[in-house]
Amino acid sequence: GFTDLTQAVIYLTSHDVGGFRNERLYNFLVSQG
């Protein structure tokens, strides 16, 4: 639904790390084996 990339702030991880599949990226990958 974005009109172009200037509207979308792209990120892989954040300081909000609570919840399922929301861990820091490294921890997420390790938890996925």
PDB file of all heavy atoms in Angstrom:
ATOM      1  N   GLY A   1       0.779  -1.227   0.000  1.00  0.00           N
ATOM      2  CA  GLY A   1       0.000   0.000   0.000  1.00  0.00           C
ATOM      3  C   GLY A   1       0.813   1.280   0.000  1.00  0.00           C
ATOM      4  O   GLY A   1       0.251   2.372  -0.059  1.00  0.00           O
ATOM      5  N   PHE A   2       2.133   1.176   0.095  1.00  0.00           N
ATOM      6  CA  PHE A   2       2.977   2.368   0.011  1.00  0.00           C
ATOM      7  C   PHE A   2       3.019   2.825  -1.449  1.00  0.00           C
ATOM      8  O   PHE A   2       2.912   2.006  -2.360  1.00  0.00           O
ATOM      9  CB  PHE A   2       4.402   2.059   0.487  1.00  0.00           C
ATOM     10  CG  PHE A   2       4.496   1.717   1.942  1.00  0.00           C
ATOM     11  CD1 PHE A   2       4.469   0.398   2.363  1.00  0.00           C
ATOM     12  CD2 PHE A   2       4.621   2.711   2.900  1.00  0.00           C
ATOM     13  CE1 PHE A   2       4.555   0.066   3.705  1.00  0.00           C
ATOM     14  CE2 PHE A   2       4.715   2.392   4.250  1.00  0.00           C
ATOM     15  CZ  PHE A   2       4.679   1.075   4.650  1.00  0.00           C
ATOM     16  N   THR A   3       3.210   4.123  -1.680  1.00  0.00           N
ATOM     17  CA  THR A   3       3.316   4.587  -3.058  1.00  0.00           C
ATOM     18  C   THR A   3       4.731   4.449  -3.585  1.00  0.00           C
ATOM     19  O   THR A   3       4.937   4.267  -4.781  1.00  0.00           O
ATOM     20  CB  THR A   3       2.872   6.052  -3.206  1.00  0.00           C
ATOM     21  OG1 THR A   3       3.674   6.884  -2.368  1.00  0.00           O
ATOM     22  CG2 THR A   3       1.406   6.215  -2.843  1.00  0.00           C
ATOM     23  N   ASP A   4       5.730   4.545  -2.700  1.00  0.00           N
ATOM     24  CA  ASP A   4       7.128   4.332  -3.076  1.00  0.00           C
ATOM     25  C   ASP A   4       7.955   4.102  -1.816  1.00  0.00           C
ATOM     26  O   ASP A   4       7.460   4.207  -0.691  1.00  0.00           O
ATOM     27  CB  ASP A   4       7.681   5.489  -3.908  1.00  0.00           C
ATOM     28  CG  ASP A   4       7.644   6.826  -3.190  1.00  0.00           C
ATOM     29  OD1 ASP A   4       7.976   6.885  -1.987  1.00  0.00           O
ATOM     30  OD2 ASP A   4       7.278   7.826  -3.826  1.00  0.00           O
ATOM     31  N   LEU A   5       9.230   3.815  -2.035  1.00  0.00           N
ATOM     32  CA  LEU A   5      10.104   3.459  -0.916  1.00  0.00           C
ATOM     33  C   LEU A   5      10.334   4.605   0.066  1.00  0.00           C
ATOM     34  O   LEU A   5      10.638   4.357   1.230  1.00  0.00           O
ATOM     35  CB  LEU A   5      11.447   2.948  -1.457  1.00  0.00           C
ATOM     36  CG  LEU A   5      12.465   2.462  -0.439  1.00  0.00           C
ATOM     37  CD1 LEU A   5      11.891   1.339   0.418  1.00  0.00           C
ATOM     38  CD2 LEU A   5      13.736   2.006  -1.121  1.00  0.00           C
ATOM     39  N   THR A   6      10.169   5.833  -0.371  1.00  0.00           N
ATOM     40  CA  THR A   6      10.399   6.952   0.545  1.00  0.00           C
ATOM     41  C   THR A   6       9.412   6.959   1.706  1.00  0.00           C
ATOM     42  O   THR A   6       9.681   7.560   2.737  1.00  0.00           O
ATOM     43  CB  THR A   6      10.324   8.309  -0.181  1.00  0.00           C
ATOM     44  OG1 THR A   6       9.001   8.484  -0.716  1.00  0.00           O
ATOM     45  CG2 THR A   6      11.356   8.401  -1.290  1.00  0.00           C
ATOM     46  N   GLN A   7       8.296   6.271   1.558  1.00  0.00           N
ATOM     47  CA  GLN A   7       7.294   6.225   2.622  1.00  0.00           C
ATOM     48  C   GLN A   7       7.536   5.085   3.617  1.00  0.00           C
ATOM     49  O   GLN A   7       6.953   5.091   4.690  1.00  0.00           O
ATOM     50  CB  GLN A   7       5.904   6.046   2.019  1.00  0.00           C
ATOM     51  CG  GLN A   7       5.428   7.205   1.208  1.00  0.00           C
ATOM     52  CD  GLN A   7       4.027   6.964   0.701  1.00  0.00           C
ATOM     53  OE1 GLN A   7       3.612   5.833   0.448  1.00  0.00           O
ATOM     54  NE2 GLN A   7       3.270   8.037   0.551  1.00  0.00           N
ATOM     55  N   ALA A   8       8.354   4.117   3.247  1.00  0.00           N
ATOM     56  CA  ALA A   8       8.529   2.915   4.065  1.00  0.00           C
ATOM     57  C   ALA A   8       9.873   2.925   4.783  1.00  0.00           C
ATOM     58  O   ALA A   8      10.925   2.939   4.147  1.00  0.00           O
ATOM     59  CB  ALA A   8       8.429   1.674   3.181  1.00  0.00           C
ATOM     60  N   VAL A   9       9.841   2.921   6.102  1.00  0.00           N
ATOM     61  CA  VAL A   9      11.065   2.821   6.891  1.00  0.00           C
ATOM     62  C   VAL A   9      11.352   1.329   7.058  1.00  0.00           C
ATOM     63  O   VAL A   9      10.620   0.610   7.754  1.00  0.00           O
ATOM     64  CB  VAL A   9      10.922   3.518   8.262  1.00  0.00           C
ATOM     65  CG1 VAL A   9      12.194   3.363   9.073  1.00  0.00           C
ATOM     66  CG2 VAL A   9      10.554   4.988   8.079  1.00  0.00           C
ATOM     67  N   ILE A  10      12.407   0.857   6.396  1.00  0.00           N
ATOM     68  CA  ILE A  10      12.754  -0.563   6.361  1.00  0.00           C
ATOM     69  C   ILE A  10      13.674  -0.898   7.533  1.00  0.00           C
ATOM     70  O   ILE A  10      14.668  -0.209   7.776  1.00  0.00           O
ATOM     71  CB  ILE A  10      13.476  -0.888   5.033  1.00  0.00           C
ATOM     72  CG1 ILE A  10      12.632  -0.518   3.823  1.00  0.00           C
ATOM     73  CG2 ILE A  10      13.917  -2.340   5.003  1.00  0.00           C
ATOM     74  CD1 ILE A  10      11.351  -1.293   3.680  1.00  0.00           C
ATOM     75  N   TYR A  11      13.359  -1.982   8.226  1.00  0.00           N
ATOM     76  CA  TYR A  11      14.221  -2.420   9.318  1.00  0.00           C
ATOM     77  C   TYR A  11      14.064  -3.927   9.522  1.00  0.00           C
ATOM     78  O   TYR A  11      13.061  -4.514   9.150  1.00  0.00           O
ATOM     79  CB  TYR A  11      13.924  -1.658  10.610  1.00  0.00           C
ATOM     80  CG  TYR A  11      12.537  -1.878  11.176  1.00  0.00           C
ATOM     81  CD1 TYR A  11      12.361  -2.678  12.297  1.00  0.00           C
ATOM     82  CD2 TYR A  11      11.418  -1.279  10.618  1.00  0.00           C
ATOM     83  CE1 TYR A  11      11.100  -2.882  12.838  1.00  0.00           C
ATOM     84  CE2 TYR A  11      10.162  -1.473  11.135  1.00  0.00           C
ATOM     85  CZ  TYR A  11      10.004  -2.277  12.247  1.00  0.00           C
ATOM     86  OH  TYR A  11       8.748  -2.475  12.770  1.00  0.00           O
ATOM     87  N   LEU A  12      15.097  -4.541  10.084  1.00  0.00           N
ATOM     88  CA  LEU A  12      15.098  -5.988  10.321  1.00  0.00           C
ATOM     89  C   LEU A  12      14.884  -6.340  11.778  1.00  0.00           C
ATOM     90  O   LEU A  12      14.459  -7.442  12.096  1.00  0.00           O
ATOM     91  CB  LEU A  12      16.427  -6.605   9.864  1.00  0.00           C
ATOM     92  CG  LEU A  12      16.750  -6.464   8.387  1.00  0.00           C
ATOM     93  CD1 LEU A  12      18.151  -6.980   8.116  1.00  0.00           C
ATOM     94  CD2 LEU A  12      15.744  -7.213   7.552  1.00  0.00           C
ATOM     95  N   THR A  13      15.229  -5.441  12.648  1.00  0.00           N
ATOM     96  CA  THR A  13      15.096  -5.676  14.081  1.00  0.00           C
ATOM     97  C   THR A  13      14.925  -4.323  14.762  1.00  0.00           C
ATOM     98  O   THR A  13      15.138  -3.288  14.133  1.00  0.00           O
ATOM     99  CB  THR A  13      16.322  -6.446  14.626  1.00  0.00           C
ATOM    100  OG1 THR A  13      16.065  -6.901  15.948  1.00  0.00           O
ATOM    101  CG2 THR A  13      17.584  -5.613  14.592  1.00  0.00           C
ATOM    102  N   SER A  14      14.506  -4.336  15.997  1.00  0.00           N
ATOM    103  CA  SER A  14      14.319  -3.081  16.718  1.00  0.00           C
ATOM    104  C   SER A  14      14.566  -3.305  18.203  1.00  0.00           C
ATOM    105  O   SER A  14      14.881  -4.411  18.634  1.00  0.00           O
ATOM    106  CB  SER A  14      12.900  -2.544  16.496  1.00  0.00           C
ATOM    107  OG  SER A  14      11.966  -3.328  17.207  1.00  0.00           O
ATOM    108  N   HIS A  15      14.378  -2.267  18.972  1.00  0.00           N
ATOM    109  CA  HIS A  15      14.519  -2.394  20.418  1.00  0.00           C
ATOM    110  C   HIS A  15      13.300  -3.080  21.039  1.00  0.00           C
ATOM    111  O   HIS A  15      13.360  -3.543  22.167  1.00  0.00           O
ATOM    112  CB  HIS A  15      14.754  -1.020  21.060  1.00  0.00           C
ATOM    113  CG  HIS A  15      13.590  -0.095  20.911  1.00  0.00           C
ATOM    114  ND1 HIS A  15      13.424   0.690  19.789  1.00  0.00           N
ATOM    115  CD2 HIS A  15      12.546   0.167  21.711  1.00  0.00           C
ATOM    116  CE1 HIS A  15      12.311   1.386  19.913  1.00  0.00           C
ATOM    117  NE2 HIS A  15      11.757   1.092  21.078  1.00  0.00           N
ATOM    118  N   ASP A  16      12.197  -3.154  20.300  1.00  0.00           N
ATOM    119  CA  ASP A  16      11.005  -3.866  20.766  1.00  0.00           C
ATOM    120  C   ASP A  16      11.175  -5.341  20.427  1.00  0.00           C
ATOM    121  O   ASP A  16      10.920  -5.753  19.298  1.00  0.00           O
ATOM    122  CB  ASP A  16       9.745  -3.324  20.084  1.00  0.00           C
ATOM    123  CG  ASP A  16       9.507  -1.866  20.411  1.00  0.00           C
ATOM    124  OD1 ASP A  16       9.800  -1.467  21.557  1.00  0.00           O
ATOM    125  OD2 ASP A  16       9.038  -1.137  19.532  1.00  0.00           O
ATOM    126  N   VAL A  17      11.632  -6.131  21.393  1.00  0.00           N
ATOM    127  CA  VAL A  17      11.988  -7.518  21.101  1.00  0.00           C
ATOM    128  C   VAL A  17      11.095  -8.522  21.826  1.00  0.00           C
ATOM    129  O   VAL A  17      11.452  -9.685  21.952  1.00  0.00           O
ATOM    130  CB  VAL A  17      13.475  -7.795  21.422  1.00  0.00           C
ATOM    131  CG1 VAL A  17      14.366  -7.022  20.485  1.00  0.00           C
ATOM    132  CG2 VAL A  17      13.795  -7.456  22.872  1.00  0.00           C
ATOM    133  N   GLY A  18       9.939  -8.110  22.261  1.00  0.00           N
ATOM    134  CA  GLY A  18       9.039  -9.033  22.933  1.00  0.00           C
ATOM    135  C   GLY A  18       8.118  -9.728  21.952  1.00  0.00           C
ATOM    136  O   GLY A  18       7.732  -9.178  20.939  1.00  0.00           O
ATOM    137  N   GLY A  19       7.807 -10.964  22.238  1.00  0.00           N
ATOM    138  CA  GLY A  19       6.828 -11.674  21.433  1.00  0.00           C
ATOM    139  C   GLY A  19       7.430 -12.637  20.428  1.00  0.00           C
ATOM    140  O   GLY A  19       8.606 -12.590  20.094  1.00  0.00           O
ATOM    141  N   PHE A  20       6.580 -13.501  19.934  1.00  0.00           N
ATOM    142  CA  PHE A  20       6.946 -14.546  18.988  1.00  0.00           C
ATOM    143  C   PHE A  20       7.472 -13.954  17.681  1.00  0.00           C
ATOM    144  O   PHE A  20       6.865 -13.040  17.128  1.00  0.00           O
ATOM    145  CB  PHE A  20       5.711 -15.419  18.718  1.00  0.00           C
ATOM    146  CG  PHE A  20       5.946 -16.541  17.751  1.00  0.00           C
ATOM    147  CD1 PHE A  20       6.796 -17.574  18.072  1.00  0.00           C
ATOM    148  CD2 PHE A  20       5.308 -16.548  16.528  1.00  0.00           C
ATOM    149  CE1 PHE A  20       7.009 -18.612  17.183  1.00  0.00           C
ATOM    150  CE2 PHE A  20       5.501 -17.581  15.625  1.00  0.00           C
ATOM    151  CZ  PHE A  20       6.363 -18.612  15.961  1.00  0.00           C
ATOM    152  N   ARG A  21       8.600 -14.448  17.198  1.00  0.00           N
ATOM    153  CA  ARG A  21       9.262 -14.035  15.957  1.00  0.00           C
ATOM    154  C   ARG A  21       9.650 -12.553  15.970  1.00  0.00           C
ATOM    155  O   ARG A  21       9.762 -11.921  14.926  1.00  0.00           O
ATOM    156  CB  ARG A  21       8.397 -14.345  14.731  1.00  0.00           C
ATOM    157  CG  ARG A  21       8.131 -15.812  14.537  1.00  0.00           C
ATOM    158  CD  ARG A  21       7.353 -16.088  13.264  1.00  0.00           C
ATOM    159  NE  ARG A  21       8.150 -15.849  12.081  1.00  0.00           N
ATOM    160  CZ  ARG A  21       8.920 -16.763  11.475  1.00  0.00           C
ATOM    161  NH1 ARG A  21       8.983 -17.982  11.957  1.00  0.00           N
ATOM    162  NH2 ARG A  21       9.608 -16.459  10.402  1.00  0.00           N
ATOM    163  N   ASN A  22       9.854 -12.006  17.147  1.00  0.00           N
ATOM    164  CA  ASN A  22      10.197 -10.598  17.262  1.00  0.00           C
ATOM    165  C   ASN A  22      11.510 -10.380  18.001  1.00  0.00           C
ATOM    166  O   ASN A  22      11.813  -9.268  18.410  1.00  0.00           O
ATOM    167  CB  ASN A  22       9.057  -9.848  17.963  1.00  0.00           C
ATOM    168  CG  ASN A  22       9.045  -8.389  17.613  1.00  0.00           C
ATOM    169  OD1 ASN A  22       9.374  -8.000  16.512  1.00  0.00           O
ATOM    170  ND2 ASN A  22       8.676  -7.560  18.572  1.00  0.00           N
ATOM    171  N   GLU A  23      12.287 -11.450  18.151  1.00  0.00           N
ATOM    172  CA  GLU A  23      13.568 -11.343  18.852  1.00  0.00           C
ATOM    173  C   GLU A  23      14.549 -10.530  18.007  1.00  0.00           C
ATOM    174  O   GLU A  23      14.306 -10.274  16.844  1.00  0.00           O
ATOM    175  CB  GLU A  23      14.182 -12.733  19.092  1.00  0.00           C
ATOM    176  CG  GLU A  23      13.297 -13.745  19.747  1.00  0.00           C
ATOM    177  CD  GLU A  23      12.467 -14.572  18.778  1.00  0.00           C
ATOM    178  OE1 GLU A  23      12.519 -14.347  17.552  1.00  0.00           O
ATOM    179  OE2 GLU A  23      11.738 -15.435  19.262  1.00  0.00           O
ATOM    180  N   ARG A  24      15.671 -10.163  18.624  1.00  0.00           N
ATOM    181  CA  ARG A  24      16.732  -9.549  17.834  1.00  0.00           C
ATOM    182  C   ARG A  24      17.099 -10.531  16.729  1.00  0.00           C
ATOM    183  O   ARG A  24      16.957 -11.739  16.884  1.00  0.00           O
ATOM    184  CB  ARG A  24      17.935  -9.241  18.704  1.00  0.00           C
ATOM    185  CG  ARG A  24      17.608  -8.231  19.787  1.00  0.00           C
ATOM    186  CD  ARG A  24      18.856  -7.523  20.285  1.00  0.00           C
ATOM    187  NE  ARG A  24      18.583  -6.708  21.440  1.00  0.00           N
ATOM    188  CZ  ARG A  24      17.973  -5.524  21.412  1.00  0.00           C
ATOM    189  NH1 ARG A  24      17.557  -5.039  20.274  1.00  0.00           N
ATOM    190  NH2 ARG A  24      17.771  -4.842  22.504  1.00  0.00           N
ATOM    191  N   LEU A  25      17.554 -10.028  15.594  1.00  0.00           N
ATOM    192  CA  LEU A  25      17.742 -10.855  14.406  1.00  0.00           C
ATOM    193  C   LEU A  25      18.650 -12.054  14.659  1.00  0.00           C
ATOM    194  O   LEU A  25      18.315 -13.182  14.298  1.00  0.00           O
ATOM    195  CB  LEU A  25      18.279 -10.023  13.245  1.00  0.00           C
ATOM    196  CG  LEU A  25      18.401 -10.749  11.929  1.00  0.00           C
ATOM    197  CD1 LEU A  25      17.066 -11.321  11.471  1.00  0.00           C
ATOM    198  CD2 LEU A  25      18.981  -9.821  10.867  1.00  0.00           C
ATOM    199  N   TYR A  26      19.783 -11.839  15.295  1.00  0.00           N
ATOM    200  CA  TYR A  26      20.694 -12.952  15.569  1.00  0.00           C
ATOM    201  C   TYR A  26      20.006 -14.009  16.421  1.00  0.00           C
ATOM    202  O   TYR A  26      20.042 -15.204  16.111  1.00  0.00           O
ATOM    203  CB  TYR A  26      21.965 -12.447  16.260  1.00  0.00           C
ATOM    204  CG  TYR A  26      22.907 -13.558  16.622  1.00  0.00           C
ATOM    205  CD1 TYR A  26      23.811 -14.051  15.690  1.00  0.00           C
ATOM    206  CD2 TYR A  26      22.892 -14.131  17.894  1.00  0.00           C
ATOM    207  CE1 TYR A  26      24.671 -15.086  16.013  1.00  0.00           C
ATOM    208  CE2 TYR A  26      23.748 -15.160  18.221  1.00  0.00           C
ATOM    209  CZ  TYR A  26      24.635 -15.636  17.285  1.00  0.00           C
ATOM    210  OH  TYR A  26      25.486 -16.671  17.604  1.00  0.00           O
ATOM    211  N   ASN A  27      19.363 -13.591  17.487  1.00  0.00           N
ATOM    212  CA  ASN A  27      18.672 -14.535  18.378  1.00  0.00           C
ATOM    213  C   ASN A  27      17.545 -15.257  17.651  1.00  0.00           C
ATOM    214  O   ASN A  27      17.313 -16.446  17.875  1.00  0.00           O
ATOM    215  CB  ASN A  27      18.122 -13.817  19.608  1.00  0.00           C
ATOM    216  CG  ASN A  27      19.215 -13.246  20.486  1.00  0.00           C
ATOM    217  OD1 ASN A  27      20.371 -13.634  20.390  1.00  0.00           O
ATOM    218  ND2 ASN A  27      18.858 -12.301  21.321  1.00  0.00           N
ATOM    219  N   PHE A  28      16.840 -14.550  16.780  1.00  0.00           N
ATOM    220  CA  PHE A  28      15.779 -15.166  16.000  1.00  0.00           C
ATOM    221  C   PHE A  28      16.337 -16.284  15.130  1.00  0.00           C
ATOM    222  O   PHE A  28      15.787 -17.387  15.096  1.00  0.00           O
ATOM    223  CB  PHE A  28      15.075 -14.120  15.133  1.00  0.00           C
ATOM    224  CG  PHE A  28      14.184 -14.719  14.089  1.00  0.00           C
ATOM    225  CD1 PHE A  28      12.960 -15.272  14.440  1.00  0.00           C
ATOM    226  CD2 PHE A  28      14.573 -14.761  12.765  1.00  0.00           C
ATOM    227  CE1 PHE A  28      12.144 -15.858  13.482  1.00  0.00           C
ATOM    228  CE2 PHE A  28      13.762 -15.334  11.801  1.00  0.00           C
ATOM    229  CZ  PHE A  28      12.548 -15.881  12.166  1.00  0.00           C
ATOM    230  N   LEU A  29      17.412 -16.002  14.407  1.00  0.00           N
ATOM    231  CA  LEU A  29      17.988 -17.015  13.523  1.00  0.00           C
ATOM    232  C   LEU A  29      18.477 -18.226  14.313  1.00  0.00           C
ATOM    233  O   LEU A  29      18.250 -19.369  13.909  1.00  0.00           O
ATOM    234  CB  LEU A  29      19.120 -16.410  12.693  1.00  0.00           C
ATOM    235  CG  LEU A  29      18.677 -15.361  11.670  1.00  0.00           C
ATOM    236  CD1 LEU A  29      19.886 -14.685  11.039  1.00  0.00           C
ATOM    237  CD2 LEU A  29      17.778 -15.967  10.611  1.00  0.00           C
ATOM    238  N   VAL A  30      19.119 -17.998  15.430  1.00  0.00           N
ATOM    239  CA  VAL A  30      19.580 -19.110  16.272  1.00  0.00           C
ATOM    240  C   VAL A  30      18.391 -19.928  16.770  1.00  0.00           C
ATOM    241  O   VAL A  30      18.411 -21.156  16.745  1.00  0.00           O
ATOM    242  CB  VAL A  30      20.435 -18.587  17.452  1.00  0.00           C
ATOM    243  CG1 VAL A  30      20.705 -19.687  18.466  1.00  0.00           C
ATOM    244  CG2 VAL A  30      21.751 -18.011  16.929  1.00  0.00           C
ATOM    245  N   SER A  31      17.306 -19.258  17.176  1.00  0.00           N
ATOM    246  CA  SER A  31      16.118 -19.982  17.661  1.00  0.00           C
ATOM    247  C   SER A  31      15.450 -20.801  16.552  1.00  0.00           C
ATOM    248  O   SER A  31      14.731 -21.747  16.829  1.00  0.00           O
ATOM    249  CB  SER A  31      15.102 -19.014  18.279  1.00  0.00           C
ATOM    250  OG  SER A  31      14.434 -18.277  17.281  1.00  0.00           O
ATOM    251  N   GLN A  32      15.694 -20.433  15.304  1.00  0.00           N
ATOM    252  CA  GLN A  32      15.155 -21.169  14.160  1.00  0.00           C
ATOM    253  C   GLN A  32      16.089 -22.295  13.720  1.00  0.00           C
ATOM    254  O   GLN A  32      15.850 -22.941  12.704  1.00  0.00           O
ATOM    255  CB  GLN A  32      14.906 -20.215  12.988  1.00  0.00           C
ATOM    256  CG  GLN A  32      13.871 -19.155  13.271  1.00  0.00           C
ATOM    257  CD  GLN A  32      12.502 -19.761  13.518  1.00  0.00           C
ATOM    258  OE1 GLN A  32      11.974 -20.503  12.712  1.00  0.00           O
ATOM    259  NE2 GLN A  32      11.934 -19.455  14.669  1.00  0.00           N
ATOM    260  N   GLY A  33      17.175 -22.509  14.475  1.00  0.00           N
ATOM    261  CA  GLY A  33      18.106 -23.596  14.181  1.00  0.00           C
ATOM    262  C   GLY A  33      19.091 -23.283  13.070  1.00  0.00           C
ATOM    263  O   GLY A  33      19.659 -24.197  12.463  1.00  0.00           O
TER     264      GLY A  33
END
